[in-house]
Structures are given as C-alpha cells and as structure tokens.
Amino acid sequence: MKVSSARRMEQPAQPTVNSMRRMMSRCRQMAELFPFRIQGNNRIQQFSTNGTFAAAFGTNGTDIGQFNAPKGLTYDSVGTLYIVDSGNNRITLADGVFAEGVTGTNGSALGQLSDPVNISADERGVYIADTGNSRIQSFNPRPPHGSFTADSSSLRFAVSTNLNNPAAVAAVDNLTNEMFYVAGHRQQPCAAL
C-alpha cells in the first residue's frame, strides 16, 4: 500500500491588473442580470428548504432587533439562533424571527469583541471569530432555561496564536477532545485547534 505524504498548501498567486479587471467586468455583468442587493439590508431572512421566502426581521440600528452588518449565524442544541452583528460588535439571540436580546461590547479585552464575523456552537460552548482582535473566543453555552452572555464572566478561553483576522469558526462534536476549525485569509487556509 502506497502512502502519499501530505503536501504543503501553496500560497495563491497574487492577482494581476488584468485578472482584477476581468473579475470586475464579471461582477458588473452579474449585477445587470440579477438586479437585487443582498448586502447592507441589515436583516435576517428565513427560507424553506425549497427556497420559498418565509419571514424576515431586523432593520439598521443599535436597538434589539436592529443590525449593523450581520454576518454569521448558528443554532445551538436548545434552538437559540445566534447572529453575529458585526458592525455593532455584539451577538443577537433570537427565537425564530423574534430577537430576544443582545450581548457583547466593543473592545480588545478578553470577553469583548471587535468586528466579529462568524459563530459556531456545540454542547461545550459558543465560539466566536473575533476578527478585529485576531482571535477565537469561546463562551459558556446557553443553559436550557437561562441566558447567554458574551463577556468576561462567561469566557471559557481565547486563542490568538497563529491567527490573523479569522473569518470563520466551526465547532467539532468530539466526545474526547474539544476541537474547532478556523479559516481565514491571513493564516493557514484551515486549521484545527
């Protein structure tokens, strides 16, 4: 049996001026074919599995149920929807299409967030890609009849080693070891920690 050795992933080639022009031309063509805008609507939309629109909530702002550049979404085991409200540096919790509350404050101290972009949850915790602080933070999970908080009192750990602006995090259900994956554009394409 032949075993191949793992190859080191090569860095992607830097874009050239011509490749950037071609990409921009394709983007303009797509915008003409599909005249709708999905970025910047500051709302959460719900669809059925066949693509039928079901409901939406949210507007631009800082109150509960308002967003400033929502980016990541995940559900936990008790059915809570976690929404990364990146521009407001917080996490919004929702039940279906009803915002229940918000948690998190802007800053660089442990338990604070700066431009978070992605979130994942499992039985052990809630993991946030805290991009502006170049780290992953993990908080205690929401108890079945309690509330979730993203602050220093519920912080489980923070990992910043070898991370530079992480763009995504995914928790791994593993009975023996706690693990999560991280992806981003300025570190290894995908790393398991």
N, C-alpha and C. Protein backbone atom coordinates (compact mmCIF):
# COMPACT_ATOMS: atom_id res chain seq x y z
N MET A 1 0.84 -1.16 0.00
CA MET A 1 0.00 0.00 0.00
C MET A 1 0.89 1.23 0.00
N LYS A 2 0.67 2.10 -0.94
CA LYS A 2 1.47 3.31 -1.05
C LYS A 2 0.79 4.43 -0.27
N VAL A 3 1.55 5.07 0.58
CA VAL A 3 1.03 6.19 1.36
C VAL A 3 1.68 7.45 0.85
N SER A 4 0.88 8.39 0.46
CA SER A 4 1.45 9.64 -0.04
C SER A 4 1.65 10.60 1.12
N SER A 5 2.68 11.37 1.03
CA SER A 5 2.94 12.35 2.09
C SER A 5 2.08 13.58 1.85
N ALA A 6 1.77 14.25 2.93
CA ALA A 6 0.94 15.46 2.82
C ALA A 6 1.77 16.56 2.18
N ARG A 7 1.16 17.28 1.28
CA ARG A 7 1.84 18.40 0.65
C ARG A 7 1.46 19.69 1.33
N ARG A 8 2.41 20.57 1.37
CA ARG A 8 2.15 21.90 1.93
C ARG A 8 1.31 22.67 0.93
N MET A 9 0.28 23.32 1.43
CA MET A 9 -0.57 24.10 0.54
C MET A 9 0.20 25.33 0.09
N GLU A 10 0.18 25.60 -1.20
CA GLU A 10 0.89 26.74 -1.73
C GLU A 10 0.04 27.99 -1.61
N GLN A 11 0.73 29.12 -1.48
CA GLN A 11 0.05 30.40 -1.41
C GLN A 11 -0.58 30.70 -2.76
N PRO A 12 -1.78 31.25 -2.78
CA PRO A 12 -2.40 31.59 -4.05
C PRO A 12 -1.62 32.70 -4.74
N ALA A 13 -1.65 32.68 -6.06
CA ALA A 13 -0.96 33.70 -6.83
C ALA A 13 -1.62 35.06 -6.59
N GLN A 14 -0.80 36.10 -6.59
CA GLN A 14 -1.32 37.45 -6.43
C GLN A 14 -2.08 37.84 -7.69
N PRO A 15 -3.22 38.50 -7.55
CA PRO A 15 -3.98 38.89 -8.73
C PRO A 15 -3.22 39.93 -9.56
N THR A 16 -3.38 39.84 -10.86
CA THR A 16 -2.77 40.82 -11.75
C THR A 16 -3.81 41.89 -12.06
N VAL A 17 -3.35 42.97 -12.66
CA VAL A 17 -4.27 44.04 -13.04
C VAL A 17 -5.31 43.51 -14.02
N ASN A 18 -4.88 42.71 -14.99
CA ASN A 18 -5.83 42.16 -15.97
C ASN A 18 -6.83 41.21 -15.33
N SER A 19 -6.39 40.36 -14.39
CA SER A 19 -7.33 39.44 -13.74
C SER A 19 -8.33 40.22 -12.89
N MET A 20 -7.89 41.30 -12.26
CA MET A 20 -8.81 42.13 -11.46
C MET A 20 -9.83 42.81 -12.38
N ARG A 21 -9.40 43.28 -13.54
CA ARG A 21 -10.32 43.91 -14.49
C ARG A 21 -11.37 42.91 -14.97
N ARG A 22 -10.91 41.67 -15.28
CA ARG A 22 -11.86 40.63 -15.71
C ARG A 22 -12.88 40.33 -14.62
N MET A 23 -12.41 40.24 -13.38
CA MET A 23 -13.31 39.96 -12.26
C MET A 23 -14.33 41.08 -12.09
N MET A 24 -13.89 42.33 -12.16
CA MET A 24 -14.81 43.46 -12.02
C MET A 24 -15.83 43.49 -13.16
N SER A 25 -15.39 43.13 -14.37
CA SER A 25 -16.30 43.08 -15.50
C SER A 25 -17.38 42.02 -15.28
N ARG A 26 -16.97 40.83 -14.76
CA ARG A 26 -17.94 39.77 -14.47
C ARG A 26 -18.93 40.22 -13.39
N CYS A 27 -18.43 40.92 -12.38
CA CYS A 27 -19.33 41.41 -11.32
C CYS A 27 -20.36 42.37 -11.88
N ARG A 28 -19.94 43.29 -12.77
CA ARG A 28 -20.89 44.22 -13.37
C ARG A 28 -21.93 43.46 -14.21
N GLN A 29 -21.49 42.44 -14.96
CA GLN A 29 -22.42 41.65 -15.76
C GLN A 29 -23.43 40.94 -14.86
N MET A 30 -22.98 40.37 -13.76
CA MET A 30 -23.89 39.68 -12.85
C MET A 30 -24.88 40.66 -12.23
N ALA A 31 -24.42 41.86 -11.88
CA ALA A 31 -25.31 42.86 -11.30
C ALA A 31 -26.41 43.26 -12.28
N GLU A 32 -26.07 43.29 -13.57
CA GLU A 32 -27.08 43.62 -14.58
C GLU A 32 -28.08 42.49 -14.75
N LEU A 33 -27.61 41.23 -14.67
CA LEU A 33 -28.50 40.08 -14.83
C LEU A 33 -29.41 39.89 -13.62
N PHE A 34 -28.91 40.16 -12.43
CA PHE A 34 -29.65 39.93 -11.19
C PHE A 34 -29.73 41.24 -10.41
N PRO A 35 -30.69 42.10 -10.72
CA PRO A 35 -30.75 43.43 -10.11
C PRO A 35 -31.36 43.42 -8.71
N PHE A 36 -30.67 42.80 -7.77
CA PHE A 36 -31.10 42.89 -6.38
C PHE A 36 -29.87 43.06 -5.53
N ARG A 37 -30.07 43.56 -4.35
CA ARG A 37 -28.94 43.83 -3.48
C ARG A 37 -29.16 43.08 -2.18
N ILE A 38 -28.19 42.24 -1.82
CA ILE A 38 -28.33 41.50 -0.57
C ILE A 38 -27.42 42.05 0.52
N GLN A 39 -26.38 42.76 0.15
CA GLN A 39 -25.50 43.32 1.16
C GLN A 39 -26.08 44.63 1.66
N GLY A 40 -26.02 44.83 2.96
CA GLY A 40 -26.43 46.10 3.52
C GLY A 40 -27.89 46.22 3.86
N ASN A 41 -28.68 45.12 3.81
CA ASN A 41 -30.08 45.27 4.16
C ASN A 41 -30.32 45.11 5.66
N ASN A 42 -29.29 44.71 6.40
CA ASN A 42 -29.34 44.67 7.87
C ASN A 42 -30.56 43.93 8.40
N ARG A 43 -30.84 42.77 7.85
CA ARG A 43 -31.94 41.96 8.35
C ARG A 43 -31.59 40.48 8.21
N ILE A 44 -32.35 39.67 8.88
CA ILE A 44 -32.21 38.23 8.82
C ILE A 44 -33.45 37.70 8.10
N GLN A 45 -33.21 36.84 7.10
CA GLN A 45 -34.31 36.29 6.31
C GLN A 45 -34.39 34.78 6.51
N GLN A 46 -35.60 34.27 6.54
CA GLN A 46 -35.83 32.85 6.73
C GLN A 46 -36.46 32.28 5.46
N PHE A 47 -35.93 31.12 5.01
CA PHE A 47 -36.41 30.46 3.80
C PHE A 47 -36.71 29.00 4.10
N SER A 48 -37.64 28.43 3.35
CA SER A 48 -37.89 26.99 3.45
C SER A 48 -36.80 26.26 2.66
N THR A 49 -36.77 24.94 2.77
CA THR A 49 -35.75 24.17 2.07
C THR A 49 -35.90 24.20 0.56
N ASN A 50 -37.07 24.59 0.06
CA ASN A 50 -37.23 24.71 -1.39
C ASN A 50 -36.97 26.13 -1.88
N GLY A 51 -36.51 27.01 -0.98
CA GLY A 51 -36.16 28.37 -1.36
C GLY A 51 -37.25 29.40 -1.25
N THR A 52 -38.41 29.01 -0.73
CA THR A 52 -39.52 29.94 -0.57
C THR A 52 -39.27 30.85 0.63
N PHE A 53 -39.40 32.16 0.42
CA PHE A 53 -39.24 33.13 1.50
C PHE A 53 -40.32 32.90 2.55
N ALA A 54 -39.93 32.88 3.83
CA ALA A 54 -40.89 32.65 4.91
C ALA A 54 -41.08 33.89 5.79
N ALA A 55 -39.99 34.52 6.20
CA ALA A 55 -40.11 35.66 7.11
C ALA A 55 -38.80 36.42 7.14
N ALA A 56 -38.84 37.62 7.71
CA ALA A 56 -37.64 38.43 7.90
C ALA A 56 -37.82 39.31 9.11
N PHE A 57 -36.71 39.67 9.73
CA PHE A 57 -36.75 40.65 10.79
C PHE A 57 -35.46 41.43 10.81
N GLY A 58 -35.53 42.63 11.37
CA GLY A 58 -34.35 43.47 11.51
C GLY A 58 -34.38 44.68 10.61
N THR A 59 -33.79 45.75 11.11
CA THR A 59 -33.57 46.97 10.36
C THR A 59 -32.20 47.50 10.79
N ASN A 60 -31.77 48.58 10.18
CA ASN A 60 -30.49 49.17 10.54
C ASN A 60 -30.62 49.90 11.89
N GLY A 61 -29.64 49.68 12.78
CA GLY A 61 -29.65 50.39 14.05
C GLY A 61 -28.92 49.65 15.14
N THR A 62 -29.11 50.12 16.37
CA THR A 62 -28.39 49.55 17.51
C THR A 62 -29.31 48.97 18.58
N ASP A 63 -30.62 49.08 18.43
CA ASP A 63 -31.55 48.52 19.41
C ASP A 63 -31.69 47.01 19.20
N ILE A 64 -32.38 46.34 20.13
CA ILE A 64 -32.64 44.91 19.98
C ILE A 64 -33.48 44.71 18.72
N GLY A 65 -33.09 43.77 17.88
CA GLY A 65 -33.79 43.53 16.63
C GLY A 65 -33.29 44.39 15.48
N GLN A 66 -32.30 45.23 15.76
CA GLN A 66 -31.68 46.03 14.71
C GLN A 66 -30.24 45.57 14.54
N PHE A 67 -29.72 45.74 13.32
CA PHE A 67 -28.39 45.23 13.00
C PHE A 67 -27.57 46.26 12.25
N ASN A 68 -26.27 46.06 12.31
CA ASN A 68 -25.32 46.82 11.51
C ASN A 68 -24.34 45.80 10.93
N ALA A 69 -24.62 45.33 9.74
CA ALA A 69 -23.80 44.33 9.04
C ALA A 69 -23.81 42.97 9.73
N PRO A 70 -24.99 42.31 9.84
CA PRO A 70 -25.00 40.95 10.39
C PRO A 70 -24.25 40.02 9.45
N LYS A 71 -23.47 39.09 10.03
CA LYS A 71 -22.63 38.23 9.18
C LYS A 71 -22.82 36.75 9.45
N GLY A 72 -22.52 36.25 10.63
CA GLY A 72 -22.59 34.82 10.89
C GLY A 72 -23.85 34.43 11.63
N LEU A 73 -24.29 33.18 11.41
CA LEU A 73 -25.48 32.63 12.07
C LEU A 73 -25.18 31.21 12.52
N THR A 74 -25.76 30.82 13.64
CA THR A 74 -25.72 29.42 14.05
C THR A 74 -26.86 29.15 15.03
N TYR A 75 -27.20 27.88 15.18
CA TYR A 75 -28.17 27.42 16.17
C TYR A 75 -27.45 26.61 17.22
N ASP A 76 -27.95 26.62 18.45
CA ASP A 76 -27.42 25.71 19.46
C ASP A 76 -28.39 24.57 19.68
N SER A 77 -28.07 23.67 20.61
CA SER A 77 -28.88 22.47 20.82
C SER A 77 -30.24 22.76 21.44
N VAL A 78 -30.44 23.95 22.04
CA VAL A 78 -31.75 24.27 22.61
C VAL A 78 -32.58 25.14 21.67
N GLY A 79 -32.08 25.38 20.44
CA GLY A 79 -32.87 26.09 19.43
C GLY A 79 -32.69 27.58 19.39
N THR A 80 -31.69 28.11 20.06
CA THR A 80 -31.43 29.55 20.02
C THR A 80 -30.66 29.89 18.75
N LEU A 81 -31.10 30.92 18.05
CA LEU A 81 -30.39 31.42 16.88
C LEU A 81 -29.43 32.51 17.35
N TYR A 82 -28.14 32.33 17.06
CA TYR A 82 -27.12 33.32 17.39
C TYR A 82 -26.77 34.06 16.10
N ILE A 83 -26.76 35.40 16.16
CA ILE A 83 -26.49 36.22 14.99
C ILE A 83 -25.31 37.12 15.31
N VAL A 84 -24.27 37.08 14.48
CA VAL A 84 -23.13 37.96 14.67
C VAL A 84 -23.49 39.31 14.06
N ASP A 85 -23.66 40.31 14.91
CA ASP A 85 -23.97 41.68 14.49
C ASP A 85 -22.63 42.43 14.45
N SER A 86 -21.91 42.23 13.36
CA SER A 86 -20.52 42.65 13.27
C SER A 86 -20.31 44.15 13.50
N GLY A 87 -21.08 44.97 12.84
CA GLY A 87 -20.90 46.42 12.96
C GLY A 87 -21.21 46.97 14.34
N ASN A 88 -22.06 46.26 15.10
CA ASN A 88 -22.37 46.67 16.47
C ASN A 88 -21.52 45.92 17.49
N ASN A 89 -20.60 45.06 17.03
CA ASN A 89 -19.69 44.31 17.91
C ASN A 89 -20.43 43.56 19.00
N ARG A 90 -21.42 42.77 18.58
CA ARG A 90 -22.24 42.05 19.56
C ARG A 90 -22.85 40.81 18.92
N ILE A 91 -23.48 40.02 19.77
CA ILE A 91 -24.22 38.84 19.34
C ILE A 91 -25.68 39.07 19.69
N THR A 92 -26.57 38.84 18.72
CA THR A 92 -28.00 38.92 18.96
C THR A 92 -28.53 37.50 19.08
N LEU A 93 -29.38 37.27 20.06
CA LEU A 93 -30.01 35.97 20.24
C LEU A 93 -31.46 36.08 19.81
N ALA A 94 -31.93 35.07 19.08
CA ALA A 94 -33.30 35.11 18.57
C ALA A 94 -33.97 33.76 18.74
N ASP A 95 -35.28 33.81 18.85
CA ASP A 95 -36.12 32.62 18.85
C ASP A 95 -36.97 32.73 17.60
N GLY A 96 -36.63 31.93 16.59
CA GLY A 96 -37.31 32.08 15.30
C GLY A 96 -36.97 33.43 14.71
N VAL A 97 -37.98 34.24 14.43
CA VAL A 97 -37.75 35.57 13.86
C VAL A 97 -37.98 36.67 14.89
N PHE A 98 -37.82 36.33 16.16
CA PHE A 98 -38.00 37.32 17.23
C PHE A 98 -36.70 37.48 18.01
N ALA A 99 -36.12 38.66 17.97
CA ALA A 99 -34.89 38.93 18.71
C ALA A 99 -35.20 38.95 20.20
N GLU A 100 -34.46 38.17 20.97
CA GLU A 100 -34.65 38.09 22.43
C GLU A 100 -33.76 39.05 23.18
N GLY A 101 -32.58 39.31 22.66
CA GLY A 101 -31.64 40.17 23.36
C GLY A 101 -30.31 40.24 22.65
N VAL A 102 -29.43 41.05 23.18
CA VAL A 102 -28.09 41.21 22.62
C VAL A 102 -27.08 41.09 23.75
N THR A 103 -25.86 40.68 23.40
CA THR A 103 -24.79 40.59 24.37
C THR A 103 -23.47 40.89 23.67
N GLY A 104 -22.54 41.46 24.41
CA GLY A 104 -21.23 41.78 23.87
C GLY A 104 -20.98 43.27 23.86
N THR A 105 -19.72 43.63 24.04
CA THR A 105 -19.32 45.04 24.00
C THR A 105 -18.07 45.16 23.12
N ASN A 106 -17.89 46.35 22.57
CA ASN A 106 -16.74 46.64 21.72
C ASN A 106 -15.49 46.81 22.56
N GLY A 107 -14.39 46.20 22.13
CA GLY A 107 -13.12 46.39 22.82
C GLY A 107 -12.15 45.28 22.51
N SER A 108 -10.97 45.38 23.13
CA SER A 108 -9.93 44.39 22.89
C SER A 108 -9.64 43.52 24.11
N ALA A 109 -10.26 43.82 25.25
CA ALA A 109 -10.05 43.00 26.44
C ALA A 109 -10.71 41.64 26.25
N LEU A 110 -10.28 40.66 27.04
CA LEU A 110 -10.90 39.35 26.97
C LEU A 110 -12.39 39.48 27.28
N GLY A 111 -13.20 38.83 26.49
CA GLY A 111 -14.65 38.91 26.65
C GLY A 111 -15.29 40.02 25.84
N GLN A 112 -14.49 40.89 25.23
CA GLN A 112 -15.01 41.95 24.37
C GLN A 112 -14.80 41.56 22.91
N LEU A 113 -15.52 42.22 22.00
CA LEU A 113 -15.50 41.87 20.58
C LEU A 113 -15.11 43.08 19.73
N SER A 114 -14.43 42.79 18.63
CA SER A 114 -14.10 43.82 17.65
C SER A 114 -14.27 43.22 16.26
N ASP A 115 -15.29 43.66 15.55
CA ASP A 115 -15.60 43.16 14.21
C ASP A 115 -15.73 41.64 14.15
N PRO A 116 -16.57 41.05 15.01
CA PRO A 116 -16.78 39.60 14.92
C PRO A 116 -17.48 39.27 13.60
N VAL A 117 -17.15 38.12 13.00
CA VAL A 117 -17.74 37.79 11.71
C VAL A 117 -18.41 36.43 11.63
N ASN A 118 -18.10 35.53 12.57
CA ASN A 118 -18.66 34.19 12.45
C ASN A 118 -18.83 33.59 13.83
N ILE A 119 -19.70 32.58 13.92
CA ILE A 119 -20.01 31.97 15.22
C ILE A 119 -20.37 30.50 15.01
N SER A 120 -20.08 29.70 16.01
CA SER A 120 -20.43 28.28 15.99
C SER A 120 -20.75 27.87 17.42
N ALA A 121 -21.61 26.88 17.59
CA ALA A 121 -21.99 26.44 18.93
C ALA A 121 -22.05 24.92 18.99
N ASP A 122 -21.67 24.38 20.14
CA ASP A 122 -21.87 22.96 20.42
C ASP A 122 -22.18 22.84 21.91
N GLU A 123 -22.22 21.64 22.42
CA GLU A 123 -22.58 21.45 23.83
C GLU A 123 -21.57 22.05 24.80
N ARG A 124 -20.32 22.17 24.36
CA ARG A 124 -19.28 22.70 25.25
C ARG A 124 -19.27 24.21 25.31
N GLY A 125 -19.63 24.88 24.20
CA GLY A 125 -19.53 26.33 24.21
C GLY A 125 -19.96 26.98 22.92
N VAL A 126 -19.85 28.31 22.93
CA VAL A 126 -20.13 29.14 21.77
C VAL A 126 -18.80 29.75 21.36
N TYR A 127 -18.43 29.58 20.09
CA TYR A 127 -17.14 30.02 19.57
C TYR A 127 -17.37 31.19 18.63
N ILE A 128 -16.63 32.28 18.84
CA ILE A 128 -16.81 33.48 18.03
C ILE A 128 -15.49 33.83 17.35
N ALA A 129 -15.55 34.02 16.02
CA ALA A 129 -14.39 34.51 15.27
C ALA A 129 -14.35 36.03 15.49
N ASP A 130 -13.53 36.43 16.44
CA ASP A 130 -13.37 37.84 16.83
C ASP A 130 -12.30 38.45 15.93
N THR A 131 -12.69 38.74 14.71
CA THR A 131 -11.75 39.09 13.65
C THR A 131 -10.91 40.31 13.96
N GLY A 132 -11.52 41.38 14.44
CA GLY A 132 -10.77 42.61 14.73
C GLY A 132 -9.71 42.43 15.80
N ASN A 133 -9.89 41.47 16.68
CA ASN A 133 -8.90 41.17 17.71
C ASN A 133 -8.03 39.96 17.35
N SER A 134 -8.19 39.44 16.14
CA SER A 134 -7.40 38.30 15.63
C SER A 134 -7.38 37.13 16.61
N ARG A 135 -8.58 36.70 17.01
CA ARG A 135 -8.66 35.57 17.96
C ARG A 135 -10.00 34.87 17.84
N ILE A 136 -10.05 33.70 18.43
CA ILE A 136 -11.29 32.96 18.63
C ILE A 136 -11.56 33.01 20.12
N GLN A 137 -12.78 33.37 20.50
CA GLN A 137 -13.17 33.35 21.91
C GLN A 137 -14.27 32.31 22.08
N SER A 138 -14.21 31.58 23.18
CA SER A 138 -15.24 30.60 23.48
C SER A 138 -15.90 30.99 24.80
N PHE A 139 -17.23 30.97 24.78
CA PHE A 139 -18.03 31.33 25.95
C PHE A 139 -18.86 30.14 26.39
N ASN A 140 -19.27 30.15 27.65
CA ASN A 140 -20.13 29.08 28.16
C ASN A 140 -21.41 29.01 27.32
N PRO A 141 -21.92 27.80 27.08
CA PRO A 141 -23.15 27.68 26.29
C PRO A 141 -24.35 28.20 27.08
N ARG A 142 -25.41 28.45 26.35
CA ARG A 142 -26.65 28.90 26.99
C ARG A 142 -27.29 27.72 27.70
N PRO A 143 -27.60 27.88 29.00
CA PRO A 143 -28.31 26.80 29.69
C PRO A 143 -29.75 26.71 29.17
N PRO A 144 -30.39 25.53 29.31
CA PRO A 144 -31.73 25.36 28.76
C PRO A 144 -32.75 26.43 29.18
N HIS A 145 -32.66 26.94 30.39
CA HIS A 145 -33.64 27.95 30.82
C HIS A 145 -32.94 29.21 31.31
N GLY A 146 -31.78 29.50 30.77
CA GLY A 146 -31.02 30.66 31.20
C GLY A 146 -30.68 31.56 30.03
N SER A 147 -29.71 32.42 30.24
CA SER A 147 -29.33 33.34 29.19
C SER A 147 -27.86 33.18 28.83
N PHE A 148 -27.54 33.54 27.61
CA PHE A 148 -26.16 33.50 27.12
C PHE A 148 -25.57 34.90 27.24
N THR A 149 -24.33 34.98 27.68
CA THR A 149 -23.64 36.27 27.70
C THR A 149 -22.26 36.12 27.08
N ALA A 150 -21.89 37.09 26.28
CA ALA A 150 -20.54 37.17 25.70
C ALA A 150 -19.82 38.27 26.47
N ASP A 151 -19.25 37.90 27.61
CA ASP A 151 -18.47 38.85 28.41
C ASP A 151 -17.43 38.07 29.20
N SER A 152 -16.62 38.77 29.96
CA SER A 152 -15.52 38.11 30.67
C SER A 152 -16.01 37.11 31.72
N SER A 153 -17.23 37.27 32.23
CA SER A 153 -17.72 36.34 33.26
C SER A 153 -18.07 34.96 32.69
N SER A 154 -18.34 34.89 31.39
CA SER A 154 -18.69 33.60 30.78
C SER A 154 -17.61 33.11 29.81
N LEU A 155 -16.48 33.81 29.74
CA LEU A 155 -15.40 33.43 28.84
C LEU A 155 -14.77 32.12 29.29
N ARG A 156 -14.68 31.17 28.38
CA ARG A 156 -14.03 29.88 28.65
C ARG A 156 -12.56 29.96 28.29
N PHE A 157 -12.26 30.45 27.09
CA PHE A 157 -10.88 30.64 26.66
C PHE A 157 -10.85 31.52 25.43
N ALA A 158 -9.66 32.03 25.13
CA ALA A 158 -9.42 32.80 23.92
C ALA A 158 -8.13 32.28 23.30
N VAL A 159 -8.13 32.11 21.98
CA VAL A 159 -6.96 31.62 21.26
C VAL A 159 -6.59 32.66 20.21
N SER A 160 -5.34 33.12 20.26
CA SER A 160 -4.89 34.08 19.25
C SER A 160 -3.61 33.63 18.56
N THR A 161 -2.98 32.58 19.07
CA THR A 161 -1.74 32.09 18.48
C THR A 161 -1.96 31.69 17.02
N ASN A 162 -1.12 32.20 16.14
CA ASN A 162 -1.16 31.89 14.71
C ASN A 162 -2.44 32.31 14.01
N LEU A 163 -3.19 33.22 14.58
CA LEU A 163 -4.40 33.70 13.93
C LEU A 163 -4.22 35.16 13.54
N ASN A 164 -4.69 35.49 12.36
CA ASN A 164 -4.66 36.87 11.89
C ASN A 164 -5.96 37.10 11.14
N ASN A 165 -6.87 37.77 11.77
CA ASN A 165 -8.19 38.06 11.20
C ASN A 165 -8.95 36.80 10.80
N PRO A 166 -9.25 35.91 11.75
CA PRO A 166 -10.00 34.70 11.40
C PRO A 166 -11.37 35.06 10.82
N ALA A 167 -11.76 34.35 9.76
CA ALA A 167 -13.01 34.66 9.07
C ALA A 167 -14.14 33.69 9.40
N ALA A 168 -13.81 32.50 9.89
CA ALA A 168 -14.84 31.51 10.18
C ALA A 168 -14.35 30.57 11.26
N VAL A 169 -15.30 30.05 12.03
CA VAL A 169 -15.01 29.07 13.07
C VAL A 169 -16.10 28.01 13.04
N ALA A 170 -15.71 26.76 13.26
CA ALA A 170 -16.68 25.66 13.29
C ALA A 170 -16.32 24.72 14.43
N ALA A 171 -17.25 24.55 15.36
CA ALA A 171 -17.04 23.62 16.48
C ALA A 171 -17.17 22.19 15.97
N VAL A 172 -16.41 21.30 16.58
CA VAL A 172 -16.42 19.89 16.21
C VAL A 172 -16.97 19.10 17.38
N ASP A 173 -18.04 18.35 17.15
CA ASP A 173 -18.55 17.47 18.19
C ASP A 173 -17.63 16.26 18.31
N ASN A 174 -16.92 16.19 19.41
CA ASN A 174 -15.97 15.11 19.66
C ASN A 174 -16.08 14.77 21.13
N LEU A 175 -16.34 13.53 21.44
CA LEU A 175 -16.56 13.14 22.84
C LEU A 175 -15.31 13.24 23.71
N THR A 176 -14.14 13.08 23.11
CA THR A 176 -12.93 13.04 23.94
C THR A 176 -12.14 14.34 23.92
N ASN A 177 -12.08 15.03 22.81
CA ASN A 177 -11.29 16.24 22.70
C ASN A 177 -12.13 17.40 22.21
N GLU A 178 -11.94 18.54 22.80
CA GLU A 178 -12.61 19.74 22.30
C GLU A 178 -11.79 20.29 21.15
N MET A 179 -12.44 20.48 20.01
CA MET A 179 -11.76 20.98 18.82
C MET A 179 -12.65 21.95 18.09
N PHE A 180 -12.01 22.79 17.29
CA PHE A 180 -12.74 23.66 16.38
C PHE A 180 -11.84 23.97 15.20
N TYR A 181 -12.46 24.30 14.07
CA TYR A 181 -11.73 24.67 12.86
C TYR A 181 -11.81 26.18 12.70
N VAL A 182 -10.75 26.74 12.12
CA VAL A 182 -10.69 28.17 11.86
C VAL A 182 -10.25 28.37 10.42
N ALA A 183 -10.90 29.27 9.72
CA ALA A 183 -10.49 29.63 8.36
C ALA A 183 -10.34 31.14 8.28
N GLY A 184 -9.45 31.56 7.42
CA GLY A 184 -9.25 32.99 7.23
C GLY A 184 -8.30 33.25 6.10
N HIS A 185 -8.21 34.50 5.71
CA HIS A 185 -7.39 34.81 4.56
C HIS A 185 -5.95 35.15 4.91
N ARG A 186 -5.60 35.28 6.16
CA ARG A 186 -4.22 35.63 6.51
C ARG A 186 -3.55 34.61 7.40
N GLN A 187 -4.09 33.42 7.50
CA GLN A 187 -3.40 32.34 8.19
C GLN A 187 -3.52 31.11 7.32
N GLN A 188 -3.18 29.99 7.85
CA GLN A 188 -3.33 28.77 7.07
C GLN A 188 -4.78 28.68 6.60
N PRO A 189 -5.03 28.18 5.39
CA PRO A 189 -6.39 28.16 4.86
C PRO A 189 -7.42 27.57 5.81
N CYS A 190 -7.08 26.52 6.53
CA CYS A 190 -7.99 25.95 7.51
C CYS A 190 -7.16 25.22 8.54
N ALA A 191 -7.32 25.58 9.80
CA ALA A 191 -6.50 24.97 10.84
C ALA A 191 -7.42 24.39 11.90
N ALA A 192 -7.07 23.22 12.43
CA ALA A 192 -7.82 22.60 13.53
C ALA A 192 -7.08 22.92 14.81
N LEU A 193 -7.79 23.42 15.78
CA LEU A 193 -7.19 23.76 17.07
C LEU A 193 -7.88 22.99 18.18
